[in-house]
Amino acid sequence: MEFPVKTANPVKTETPCLVIPVFKDGDLLPAAAKIDDASECLIQQLIERGDFNAKLGNVQMIPFAPGLPADRLLLVGLGERAKCQEGAFCKAVDAAFAHLAQMSIDAAAVTLTDVPVPDRDAGWKAHKIAESALRASYRFTQFKSEPAPAPSLAEVTLLISEGDDTDAATLGARHGRAVGDGINLARTLGNLPGNVCTPRYLAAEAERLASESAGALTTEILDEEALEALGAHSLLSVGRGSEEPSRLIVMRYNGADDANESPHVLVGKGITFDTGGISLKPGAGMDEMKFDMCGAASVFGTVASVLAIKPKINLVAIVASAENMPDGRATKPGDIIQTLKGLSVEVLNTDAEGRLVLCDALTYAERFTPASVVDIATLTGAAIIALGHHATGLLSNDDDLALDLLDAGETAWDRAWHLPLWDEYQEQLDSNFADLANIGGRPAGTITAGCFLSRFATQYPWAHLDVAGTAWNSGSQKGATGRPVGLLTRYLLDREDELRDTTIEGE
């Protein structure tokens, strides 16, 4: 999908559909006012007669545009002007593109950058517009024998009022397109069934990204023999009951001017299907355990976004991938395993397997002398109880890193919430027989899972994102969301800005 930016009068814009945002109260926005003047007060008449309610997220198609070269108008409600913050803007934009994606048109023009959002410029709004358009056009139909036609929308022109905003909007749209494509890649990987998306499939996906990157990305795939030689017995223990071999997937992007610049590391949990192992899950809803690799999927999506944007940073992406199945070789409750770090773990519940693959990956990350490490995992159902499906859980051993991630989430509108990582919680992981247990009981389950991981992240600034409540939707809208690709990409772009500022100060 293309996103050209134009400083143009909407009254003179030829397009199959012109998107006009409208507040419930106050004057029309500049573009809407021009359209209204040129169309004999069409918009005002619709509002005054009650034919259009500008409630937030409401849309109304006007199948004609008298006095205008546009074929149609799509009015989008913004709600009350005083309440128009980031969330309201994103909701309105999503509503507009959800409607456009259902139409048989190949192009549209939008005046959505007219909408005033406090502390957000034209670049931010252009980013959210491009990202929303791509998310709305996404369809997962590759296993349908007769798939519905894909959305035909191929070009969205961003009409801006101020010429000075052109560069910012163009850059924002480019970043939004990269993030939108990355989100959709993560959604596809998450939506694939477990009989297709296996650890070996994810390894092949890494190799595909590298082969299409023109040398910007390199990969290393550690198979079970290599993992055994390495000493990654914790990761291997999770996949022992499966016919599918486990993999540790490493992707490296070196974009910094200084090749020796410490990289930022992303670590993704890639459990391609989770039965719970011997601690078998209930049957109801178990099909959704194909989404247990959505942390890994978000890492792949972020790598794809980075390859499109090409920021001047160094990045290492690590995916610890296994399939958790019960058979005669599977790890049993009460087993004690040795981790790559040298700590022994008593496995009290084999369904707490994500932390067992991540702990070896976090230890492996030490070799890169990272500037920061962020792991992403669908780790605990407790995160859903604590935060629902709106916020990603965040735990960290470094307050500055936590704040950077929180800020990135606010900017990307892919938000997280900071939970404590106090020493008092660590006591819940005490074991009579090993260095630590892999669970700490029902109280504070998300926090004790973070405490477990923190034991393996002692050599660098580290944060953990628990996306169990945000990585996929259930019910009639079942499917992967692609979160937190937006947050992660924004975090990495902020690190590029930080590195640039430091370089300038040092000159």
Protein backbone atom coordinates (compact mmCIF):
# COMPACT_ATOMS: atom_id res chain seq x y z
CA MET A 1 0.00 0.00 0.00
CA GLU A 2 1.28 3.48 -0.89
CA PHE A 3 0.90 6.63 1.23
CA PRO A 4 1.69 9.77 -0.80
CA VAL A 5 1.59 13.06 1.12
CA LYS A 6 0.18 16.16 -0.60
CA THR A 7 -0.39 19.75 0.38
CA ALA A 8 -3.58 20.17 -1.60
CA ASN A 9 -7.01 21.73 -1.39
CA PRO A 10 -9.45 18.87 -0.64
CA VAL A 11 -12.07 20.69 -2.70
CA LYS A 12 -9.96 20.08 -5.81
CA THR A 13 -8.86 16.53 -5.00
CA GLU A 14 -9.99 13.80 -7.37
CA THR A 15 -10.39 10.53 -5.49
CA PRO A 16 -12.80 7.62 -5.24
CA CYS A 17 -13.37 8.54 -1.58
CA LEU A 18 -12.52 11.57 0.53
CA VAL A 19 -12.38 10.96 4.30
CA ILE A 20 -13.54 13.89 6.45
CA PRO A 21 -13.25 13.88 10.29
CA VAL A 22 -15.97 15.74 12.21
CA PHE A 23 -16.31 16.73 15.88
CA LYS A 24 -19.65 16.59 17.68
CA ASP A 25 -19.22 20.15 18.86
CA GLY A 26 -17.66 23.40 17.65
CA ASP A 27 -16.61 24.50 14.21
CA LEU A 28 -15.70 22.16 11.41
CA LEU A 29 -12.01 21.42 10.93
CA PRO A 30 -10.30 23.37 8.11
CA ALA A 31 -10.60 20.69 5.42
CA ALA A 32 -14.17 19.83 6.41
CA ALA A 33 -15.10 23.54 6.33
CA LYS A 34 -13.75 23.87 2.78
CA ILE A 35 -15.67 20.81 1.68
CA ASP A 36 -18.80 22.15 3.35
CA ASP A 37 -18.52 25.51 1.58
CA ALA A 38 -18.02 23.85 -1.79
CA SER A 39 -20.94 21.43 -1.36
CA GLU A 40 -23.70 23.85 -0.29
CA CYS A 41 -23.22 23.12 3.43
CA LEU A 42 -23.80 19.40 2.95
CA ILE A 43 -21.93 18.35 6.11
CA GLN A 44 -23.59 20.94 8.35
CA GLN A 45 -27.02 20.00 7.01
CA LEU A 46 -26.45 16.32 7.76
CA ILE A 47 -25.39 17.17 11.32
CA GLU A 48 -28.22 19.65 11.95
CA ARG A 49 -30.89 17.24 10.65
CA GLY A 50 -29.51 14.47 12.82
CA ASP A 51 -28.59 12.36 9.77
CA PHE A 52 -25.02 12.04 11.00
CA ASN A 53 -24.01 11.64 14.63
CA ALA A 54 -20.35 12.53 15.08
CA LYS A 55 -20.01 10.17 18.04
CA LEU A 56 -16.48 8.79 18.31
CA GLY A 57 -15.99 6.01 15.77
CA ASN A 58 -19.24 6.56 13.87
CA VAL A 59 -18.85 6.62 10.10
CA GLN A 60 -21.24 7.54 7.35
CA MET A 61 -20.76 7.14 3.63
CA ILE A 62 -22.17 9.82 1.36
CA PRO A 63 -22.30 8.17 -2.06
CA PHE A 64 -22.10 11.46 -3.93
CA ALA A 65 -20.15 14.70 -3.54
CA PRO A 66 -22.03 17.60 -5.14
CA GLY A 67 -19.70 20.29 -6.43
CA LEU A 68 -16.61 18.18 -5.71
CA PRO A 69 -14.34 16.03 -7.92
CA ALA A 70 -14.35 13.29 -5.23
CA ASP A 71 -16.72 10.43 -6.00
CA ARG A 72 -17.78 9.90 -2.37
CA LEU A 73 -17.36 11.36 1.09
CA LEU A 74 -16.80 9.32 4.23
CA LEU A 75 -17.60 11.23 7.42
CA VAL A 76 -15.84 10.01 10.56
CA GLY A 77 -16.98 10.98 14.04
CA LEU A 78 -14.38 12.29 16.48
CA GLY A 79 -16.67 12.71 19.48
CA GLU A 80 -16.19 15.69 21.78
CA ARG A 81 -13.38 18.05 20.88
CA ALA A 82 -12.14 18.34 24.48
CA LYS A 83 -11.71 14.56 24.71
CA CYS A 84 -9.71 14.12 21.51
CA GLN A 85 -6.52 12.49 22.79
CA GLU A 86 -4.38 9.75 21.20
CA GLY A 87 -6.87 6.99 21.95
CA ALA A 88 -9.79 8.87 20.41
CA PHE A 89 -7.78 9.71 17.29
CA CYS A 90 -6.71 6.09 16.84
CA LYS A 91 -10.26 4.83 17.33
CA ALA A 92 -11.59 7.22 14.70
CA VAL A 93 -8.85 6.34 12.22
CA ASP A 94 -9.40 2.61 12.77
CA ALA A 95 -13.14 3.05 12.18
CA ALA A 96 -12.51 4.90 8.93
CA PHE A 97 -10.16 2.27 7.52
CA ALA A 98 -12.32 -0.63 8.69
CA HIS A 99 -15.05 0.86 6.49
CA LEU A 100 -12.75 1.64 3.57
CA ALA A 101 -11.42 -1.93 3.65
CA GLN A 102 -14.96 -3.17 2.96
CA MET A 103 -15.37 -0.98 -0.11
CA SER A 104 -14.47 -1.89 -3.67
CA ILE A 105 -12.18 1.08 -4.23
CA ASP A 106 -8.45 1.13 -4.84
CA ALA A 107 -7.66 4.62 -3.54
CA ALA A 108 -8.77 7.18 -1.01
CA ALA A 109 -7.68 10.56 0.30
CA VAL A 110 -7.81 11.48 3.98
CA THR A 111 -7.73 14.80 5.83
CA LEU A 112 -7.12 13.14 9.19
CA THR A 113 -3.91 15.05 9.90
CA ASP A 114 -6.20 18.08 10.43
CA VAL A 115 -7.34 16.57 13.72
CA PRO A 116 -5.71 18.35 16.68
CA VAL A 117 -4.11 15.85 19.07
CA PRO A 118 -2.28 17.46 22.00
CA ASP A 119 1.52 17.09 21.79
CA ARG A 120 1.32 14.98 18.60
CA ASP A 121 2.53 16.37 15.29
CA ALA A 122 1.68 15.58 11.67
CA GLY A 123 4.37 12.88 11.61
CA TRP A 124 2.75 11.00 14.50
CA LYS A 125 -0.68 11.24 12.92
CA ALA A 126 0.62 10.13 9.52
CA HIS A 127 2.28 7.14 11.20
CA LYS A 128 -0.97 6.06 12.85
CA ILE A 129 -2.92 6.54 9.60
CA ALA A 130 -0.58 4.32 7.56
CA GLU A 131 -0.37 1.69 10.29
CA SER A 132 -4.17 1.62 10.67
CA ALA A 133 -4.74 1.28 6.93
CA LEU A 134 -2.50 -1.78 6.77
CA ARG A 135 -4.01 -3.39 9.87
CA ALA A 136 -7.53 -2.88 8.50
CA SER A 137 -6.61 -4.44 5.16
CA TYR A 138 -5.12 -7.57 6.73
CA ARG A 139 -6.83 -10.88 6.01
CA PHE A 140 -5.71 -14.39 6.96
CA THR A 141 -7.23 -16.58 4.28
CA GLN A 142 -4.49 -18.93 3.12
CA PHE A 143 -6.32 -22.03 4.37
CA LYS A 144 -9.71 -21.05 2.93
CA SER A 145 -10.73 -22.96 -0.17
CA GLU A 146 -12.86 -20.03 -1.29
CA PRO A 147 -11.41 -16.93 0.41
CA ALA A 148 -13.34 -13.69 0.33
CA PRO A 149 -11.82 -11.09 -1.99
CA ALA A 150 -8.96 -9.19 -0.42
CA PRO A 151 -9.47 -5.46 0.20
CA SER A 152 -8.65 -3.52 -2.95
CA LEU A 153 -7.42 -0.34 -1.24
CA ALA A 154 -3.89 0.21 -2.56
CA GLU A 155 -3.24 3.93 -2.09
CA VAL A 156 -4.10 6.36 0.67
CA THR A 157 -3.24 9.99 -0.02
CA LEU A 158 -2.60 12.09 3.09
CA LEU A 159 -3.84 15.64 2.48
CA ILE A 160 -2.18 18.13 4.81
CA SER A 161 -3.02 21.78 5.37
CA GLU A 162 0.46 23.11 6.13
CA GLY A 163 3.33 22.72 3.69
CA ASP A 164 5.80 22.78 6.55
CA ASP A 165 4.38 19.45 7.74
CA THR A 166 5.14 17.61 4.50
CA ASP A 167 8.52 16.16 5.51
CA ALA A 168 7.30 15.08 8.95
CA ALA A 169 4.18 13.47 7.49
CA THR A 170 6.15 11.70 4.77
CA LEU A 171 8.57 10.24 7.33
CA GLY A 172 5.72 9.34 9.66
CA ALA A 173 3.86 7.55 6.87
CA ARG A 174 7.00 5.62 5.92
CA HIS A 175 7.50 4.48 9.50
CA GLY A 176 3.80 3.69 9.87
CA ARG A 177 3.90 1.55 6.76
CA ALA A 178 6.91 -0.36 8.07
CA VAL A 179 5.27 -0.93 11.44
CA GLY A 180 1.96 -1.90 9.84
CA ASP A 181 3.69 -4.48 7.66
CA GLY A 182 5.61 -5.75 10.70
CA ILE A 183 2.40 -6.06 12.70
CA ASN A 184 0.76 -8.01 9.91
CA LEU A 185 3.73 -10.37 9.63
CA ALA A 186 3.48 -11.02 13.37
CA ARG A 187 -0.26 -11.63 12.99
CA THR A 188 0.29 -14.14 10.22
CA LEU A 189 2.90 -16.07 12.18
CA GLY A 190 0.61 -16.09 15.20
CA ASN A 191 -2.42 -17.19 13.20
CA LEU A 192 -0.67 -20.09 11.49
CA PRO A 193 -1.69 -23.47 12.94
CA GLY A 194 0.72 -25.47 15.05
CA ASN A 195 1.05 -28.19 12.41
CA VAL A 196 2.52 -25.57 10.04
CA CYS A 197 4.29 -23.06 12.27
CA THR A 198 6.86 -25.20 14.08
CA PRO A 199 10.30 -24.28 15.43
CA ARG A 200 11.76 -25.31 12.09
CA TYR A 201 9.23 -23.09 10.29
CA LEU A 202 10.28 -20.10 12.39
CA ALA A 203 13.92 -20.85 11.60
CA ALA A 204 13.08 -20.88 7.90
CA GLU A 205 11.25 -17.57 8.34
CA ALA A 206 14.40 -16.03 9.80
CA GLU A 207 16.39 -17.29 6.85
CA ARG A 208 13.78 -15.84 4.47
CA LEU A 209 14.03 -12.41 6.09
CA ALA A 210 17.81 -12.58 5.81
CA SER A 211 17.77 -13.67 2.17
CA GLU A 212 15.47 -10.78 1.24
CA SER A 213 17.42 -8.17 3.22
CA ALA A 214 20.24 -7.59 0.73
CA GLY A 215 22.78 -8.45 3.39
CA ALA A 216 21.32 -6.25 6.13
CA LEU A 217 20.35 -9.25 8.28
CA THR A 218 22.33 -12.36 9.15
CA THR A 219 21.04 -15.47 10.88
CA GLU A 220 22.36 -18.33 12.95
CA ILE A 221 20.19 -21.35 13.73
CA LEU A 222 21.19 -23.56 16.66
CA ASP A 223 19.70 -27.04 16.32
CA GLU A 224 19.31 -29.54 19.16
CA GLU A 225 22.82 -30.91 18.75
CA ALA A 226 24.27 -27.40 18.99
CA LEU A 227 22.06 -26.59 21.98
CA GLU A 228 23.19 -29.76 23.74
CA ALA A 229 26.83 -28.87 23.16
CA LEU A 230 26.14 -25.34 24.37
CA GLY A 231 24.50 -26.57 27.57
CA ALA A 232 21.03 -25.12 26.95
CA HIS A 233 19.38 -27.99 28.79
CA SER A 234 16.47 -25.92 30.04
CA LEU A 235 15.34 -25.00 26.53
CA LEU A 236 15.81 -28.58 25.39
CA SER A 237 13.81 -29.94 28.33
CA VAL A 238 10.67 -28.19 27.09
CA GLY A 239 10.71 -29.80 23.65
CA ARG A 240 11.79 -33.25 24.82
CA GLY A 241 8.26 -34.65 24.61
CA SER A 242 7.72 -33.48 21.02
CA GLU A 243 8.58 -34.98 17.65
CA GLU A 244 9.37 -31.42 16.54
CA PRO A 245 12.99 -30.45 17.27
CA SER A 246 13.67 -27.26 19.21
CA ARG A 247 15.62 -24.33 17.82
CA LEU A 248 17.41 -21.21 19.04
CA ILE A 249 17.16 -18.62 16.28
CA VAL A 250 19.53 -15.63 16.20
CA MET A 251 19.11 -12.70 13.81
CA ARG A 252 21.61 -9.83 13.67
CA TYR A 253 21.15 -6.37 12.14
CA ASN A 254 24.15 -4.04 12.20
CA GLY A 255 22.98 -0.57 11.20
CA ALA A 256 25.01 1.63 13.54
CA ASP A 257 27.84 3.70 12.13
CA ASP A 258 30.10 1.98 14.65
CA ALA A 259 29.97 -1.77 14.06
CA ASN A 260 31.14 -2.26 17.67
CA GLU A 261 28.25 -0.27 19.15
CA SER A 262 26.56 -2.41 21.80
CA PRO A 263 23.41 -3.93 20.34
CA HIS A 264 19.91 -3.88 21.72
CA VAL A 265 18.59 -7.42 22.07
CA LEU A 266 15.04 -8.68 21.69
CA VAL A 267 14.25 -12.17 22.98
CA GLY A 268 11.00 -13.87 21.95
CA LYS A 269 9.23 -16.87 23.44
CA GLY A 270 8.51 -19.21 20.53
CA ILE A 271 6.42 -22.07 21.94
CA THR A 272 4.71 -23.00 18.70
CA PHE A 273 2.13 -25.10 20.53
CA ASP A 274 1.64 -25.50 24.26
CA THR A 275 -0.34 -28.44 25.57
CA GLY A 276 1.05 -27.79 29.04
CA GLY A 277 3.13 -30.96 28.75
CA ILE A 278 2.57 -33.49 31.54
CA SER A 279 0.75 -30.71 33.47
CA LEU A 280 -1.84 -30.90 30.70
CA LYS A 281 -4.06 -27.90 30.03
CA PRO A 282 -7.88 -28.22 29.96
CA GLY A 283 -9.20 -29.05 26.50
CA ALA A 284 -11.47 -26.01 26.16
CA GLY A 285 -9.68 -23.27 24.26
CA MET A 286 -6.48 -25.28 23.85
CA ASP A 287 -6.52 -24.49 20.13
CA GLU A 288 -5.50 -20.95 21.09
CA MET A 289 -2.20 -22.28 22.39
CA LYS A 290 -0.89 -21.92 18.85
CA PHE A 291 -0.65 -18.26 19.91
CA ASP A 292 1.95 -19.14 22.56
CA MET A 293 4.64 -18.10 20.10
CA CYS A 294 3.28 -14.55 19.69
CA GLY A 295 6.25 -13.15 21.62
CA ALA A 296 8.50 -14.64 18.96
CA ALA A 297 6.11 -13.41 16.25
CA SER A 298 6.44 -9.85 17.57
CA VAL A 299 10.23 -10.16 17.38
CA PHE A 300 9.97 -11.23 13.74
CA GLY A 301 7.57 -8.37 13.04
CA THR A 302 9.90 -5.86 14.68
CA VAL A 303 12.87 -7.18 12.70
CA ALA A 304 10.83 -6.71 9.50
CA SER A 305 9.98 -3.13 10.55
CA VAL A 306 13.63 -2.39 11.30
CA LEU A 307 14.71 -3.75 7.92
CA ALA A 308 12.23 -1.42 6.22
CA ILE A 309 13.17 1.68 8.23
CA LYS A 310 16.93 0.97 8.47
CA PRO A 311 17.69 2.82 11.72
CA LYS A 312 21.34 3.38 12.66
CA ILE A 313 21.45 0.95 15.57
CA ASN A 314 22.69 -2.58 16.14
CA LEU A 315 20.05 -5.18 16.93
CA VAL A 316 20.18 -8.84 17.90
CA ALA A 317 16.91 -10.81 17.83
CA ILE A 318 16.80 -14.16 19.60
CA VAL A 319 13.89 -16.61 19.40
CA ALA A 320 13.80 -19.61 21.72
CA SER A 321 11.45 -22.06 20.05
CA ALA A 322 10.05 -25.43 21.09
CA GLU A 323 6.80 -27.40 21.13
CA ASN A 324 5.54 -28.45 24.57
CA MET A 325 4.01 -31.92 24.30
CA PRO A 326 3.40 -34.86 26.69
CA ASP A 327 4.97 -38.20 25.87
CA GLY A 328 7.22 -40.74 27.58
CA ARG A 329 10.30 -38.52 27.19
CA ALA A 330 8.64 -35.32 28.38
CA THR A 331 9.86 -33.41 31.42
CA LYS A 332 7.86 -34.39 34.52
CA PRO A 333 6.77 -32.33 37.52
CA GLY A 334 9.53 -32.67 40.10
CA ASP A 335 12.31 -33.05 37.53
CA ILE A 336 15.41 -30.92 38.08
CA ILE A 337 17.12 -29.42 35.04
CA GLN A 338 20.37 -27.54 34.53
CA THR A 339 20.23 -24.18 32.78
CA LEU A 340 22.81 -22.61 30.50
CA LYS A 341 23.67 -20.18 33.31
CA GLY A 342 24.49 -23.07 35.64
CA LEU A 343 21.50 -22.68 37.95
CA SER A 344 19.37 -25.74 38.66
CA VAL A 345 15.59 -25.51 38.37
CA GLU A 346 12.98 -27.74 39.96
CA VAL A 347 10.10 -28.03 37.48
CA LEU A 348 6.96 -27.97 39.62
CA ASN A 349 4.65 -27.38 36.66
CA THR A 350 5.51 -28.22 33.06
CA ASP A 351 2.97 -25.65 31.86
CA ALA A 352 5.31 -22.92 33.12
CA GLU A 353 7.57 -23.72 30.19
CA GLY A 354 8.03 -20.30 28.60
CA ARG A 355 10.40 -19.18 31.32
CA LEU A 356 12.41 -22.38 30.81
CA VAL A 357 13.18 -21.55 27.19
CA LEU A 358 13.65 -17.85 27.85
CA CYS A 359 16.14 -18.32 30.68
CA ASP A 360 18.66 -20.01 28.36
CA ALA A 361 18.07 -17.38 25.68
CA LEU A 362 18.67 -14.60 28.22
CA THR A 363 21.93 -16.25 29.22
CA TYR A 364 22.90 -16.62 25.57
CA ALA A 365 22.32 -12.87 25.12
CA GLU A 366 25.24 -12.10 27.47
CA ARG A 367 27.74 -12.89 24.72
CA PHE A 368 26.63 -9.81 22.76
CA THR A 369 27.43 -7.36 25.63
CA PRO A 370 24.04 -5.74 25.04
CA ALA A 371 23.02 -2.16 25.73
CA SER A 372 19.60 -3.49 26.69
CA VAL A 373 17.64 -6.73 26.55
CA VAL A 374 13.86 -6.94 26.24
CA ASP A 375 12.10 -10.29 26.26
CA ILE A 376 8.55 -10.69 25.00
CA ALA A 377 6.37 -13.62 26.00
CA THR A 378 2.82 -14.83 26.42
CA LEU A 379 3.97 -15.91 29.85
CA THR A 380 1.18 -15.89 32.43
CA GLY A 381 -2.59 -16.01 32.60
CA ALA A 382 -2.15 -13.89 35.71
CA ALA A 383 -1.26 -10.94 33.45
CA ILE A 384 -4.76 -11.12 31.98
CA ILE A 385 -6.32 -11.15 35.44
CA ALA A 386 -4.22 -8.14 36.49
CA LEU A 387 -4.39 -6.00 33.35
CA GLY A 388 -7.07 -7.44 31.10
CA HIS A 389 -6.51 -7.17 27.37
CA HIS A 390 -5.51 -3.50 27.19
CA ALA A 391 -2.02 -3.22 28.68
CA THR A 392 1.08 -5.36 28.38
CA GLY A 393 2.73 -6.22 31.70
CA LEU A 394 6.21 -4.76 32.16
CA LEU A 395 8.87 -5.78 34.69
CA SER A 396 12.48 -4.61 34.68
CA ASN A 397 15.71 -4.54 36.65
CA ASP A 398 16.42 -1.03 35.33
CA ASP A 399 14.08 1.91 35.92
CA ASP A 400 15.45 3.95 33.00
CA LEU A 401 14.82 1.08 30.61
CA ALA A 402 11.32 0.62 32.01
CA LEU A 403 10.55 4.32 31.50
CA ASP A 404 11.90 4.19 27.94
CA LEU A 405 9.57 1.28 27.16
CA LEU A 406 6.60 2.98 28.80
CA ASP A 407 7.26 6.15 26.79
CA ALA A 408 7.58 4.12 23.58
CA GLY A 409 4.27 2.42 24.35
CA GLU A 410 2.53 5.75 24.85
CA THR A 411 3.90 7.13 21.58
CA ALA A 412 3.05 3.96 19.64
CA TRP A 413 -0.30 3.73 21.46
CA ASP A 414 0.68 0.17 22.30
CA ARG A 415 0.81 0.65 26.03
CA ALA A 416 2.40 -1.26 28.90
CA TRP A 417 2.08 -1.06 32.67
CA HIS A 418 5.00 -1.28 35.09
CA LEU A 419 4.76 -3.96 37.79
CA PRO A 420 7.15 -4.28 40.79
CA LEU A 421 10.12 -6.62 40.86
CA TRP A 422 10.85 -6.52 44.57
CA ASP A 423 13.20 -8.93 46.32
CA GLU A 424 10.37 -10.06 48.61
CA TYR A 425 8.71 -11.81 45.66
CA GLN A 426 11.85 -13.81 44.92
CA GLU A 427 11.29 -15.92 48.04
CA GLN A 428 8.27 -17.53 46.38
CA LEU A 429 10.66 -19.32 44.01
CA ASP A 430 12.58 -21.08 46.79
CA SER A 431 13.04 -24.83 46.25
CA ASN A 432 14.02 -27.53 48.75
CA PHE A 433 15.92 -29.42 46.07
CA ALA A 434 17.28 -26.98 43.48
CA ASP A 435 18.52 -23.40 43.15
CA LEU A 436 14.99 -22.26 42.33
CA ALA A 437 11.56 -23.55 41.34
CA ASN A 438 9.93 -22.67 38.05
CA ILE A 439 6.73 -21.38 39.69
CA GLY A 440 6.00 -19.35 42.80
CA GLY A 441 2.37 -20.21 43.48
CA ARG A 442 -0.83 -18.35 42.59
CA PRO A 443 -0.13 -14.99 44.31
CA ALA A 444 1.51 -12.43 42.02
CA GLY A 445 2.00 -14.99 39.24
CA THR A 446 3.11 -12.47 36.64
CA ILE A 447 5.60 -10.92 39.04
CA THR A 448 7.14 -14.20 40.17
CA ALA A 449 7.52 -15.22 36.52
CA GLY A 450 9.44 -12.00 36.02
CA CYS A 451 11.46 -12.76 39.16
CA PHE A 452 12.42 -16.13 37.67
CA LEU A 453 13.66 -14.49 34.47
CA SER A 454 15.52 -11.81 36.40
CA ARG A 455 17.81 -14.49 37.85
CA PHE A 456 19.17 -14.99 34.32
CA ALA A 457 19.40 -11.30 33.35
CA THR A 458 22.03 -10.08 35.79
CA GLN A 459 24.64 -8.79 33.34
CA TYR A 460 22.70 -6.06 31.52
CA PRO A 461 19.67 -3.74 31.67
CA TRP A 462 16.68 -6.03 31.12
CA ALA A 463 12.93 -5.79 30.79
CA HIS A 464 10.22 -8.38 30.39
CA LEU A 465 6.97 -7.79 28.48
CA ASP A 466 4.15 -10.21 29.33
CA VAL A 467 1.80 -10.08 26.34
CA ALA A 468 -0.54 -12.90 27.40
CA GLY A 469 -3.46 -10.47 27.45
CA THR A 470 -2.57 -8.40 24.39
CA ALA A 471 -1.07 -10.75 21.79
CA TRP A 472 -4.32 -12.21 20.50
CA ASN A 473 -8.10 -11.87 20.60
CA SER A 474 -10.57 -14.65 21.34
CA GLY A 475 -14.19 -15.16 20.34
CA SER A 476 -15.62 -14.02 17.02
CA GLN A 477 -12.57 -11.79 16.43
CA LYS A 478 -10.11 -14.60 17.20
CA GLY A 479 -6.67 -13.86 15.86
CA ALA A 480 -3.24 -12.48 16.63
CA THR A 481 -3.01 -8.71 17.19
CA GLY A 482 0.64 -8.14 16.27
CA ARG A 483 1.33 -6.40 19.56
CA PRO A 484 3.81 -5.21 20.74
CA VAL A 485 5.55 -4.60 17.38
CA GLY A 486 4.58 -0.92 17.55
CA LEU A 487 6.04 -0.47 21.04
CA LEU A 488 9.26 -2.34 20.22
CA THR A 489 9.89 -0.50 16.96
CA ARG A 490 9.30 2.85 18.64
CA TYR A 491 11.66 1.86 21.44
CA LEU A 492 14.42 1.06 18.93
CA LEU A 493 13.85 4.26 16.95
CA ASP A 494 14.10 6.23 20.20
CA ARG A 495 17.43 4.54 20.87
CA GLU A 496 18.61 5.67 17.42
CA ASP A 497 17.65 9.25 18.31
CA GLU A 498 19.43 8.91 21.66
CA LEU A 499 22.58 7.57 19.99
CA ARG A 500 22.52 10.40 17.43
CA ASP A 501 22.17 13.04 20.14
CA THR A 502 25.04 11.50 22.12
CA THR A 503 27.24 11.49 19.01
CA ILE A 504 26.49 15.15 18.29
CA GLU A 505 27.23 16.15 21.89
CA GLY A 506 30.55 14.32 21.73
CA GLU A 507 31.75 16.07 18.58
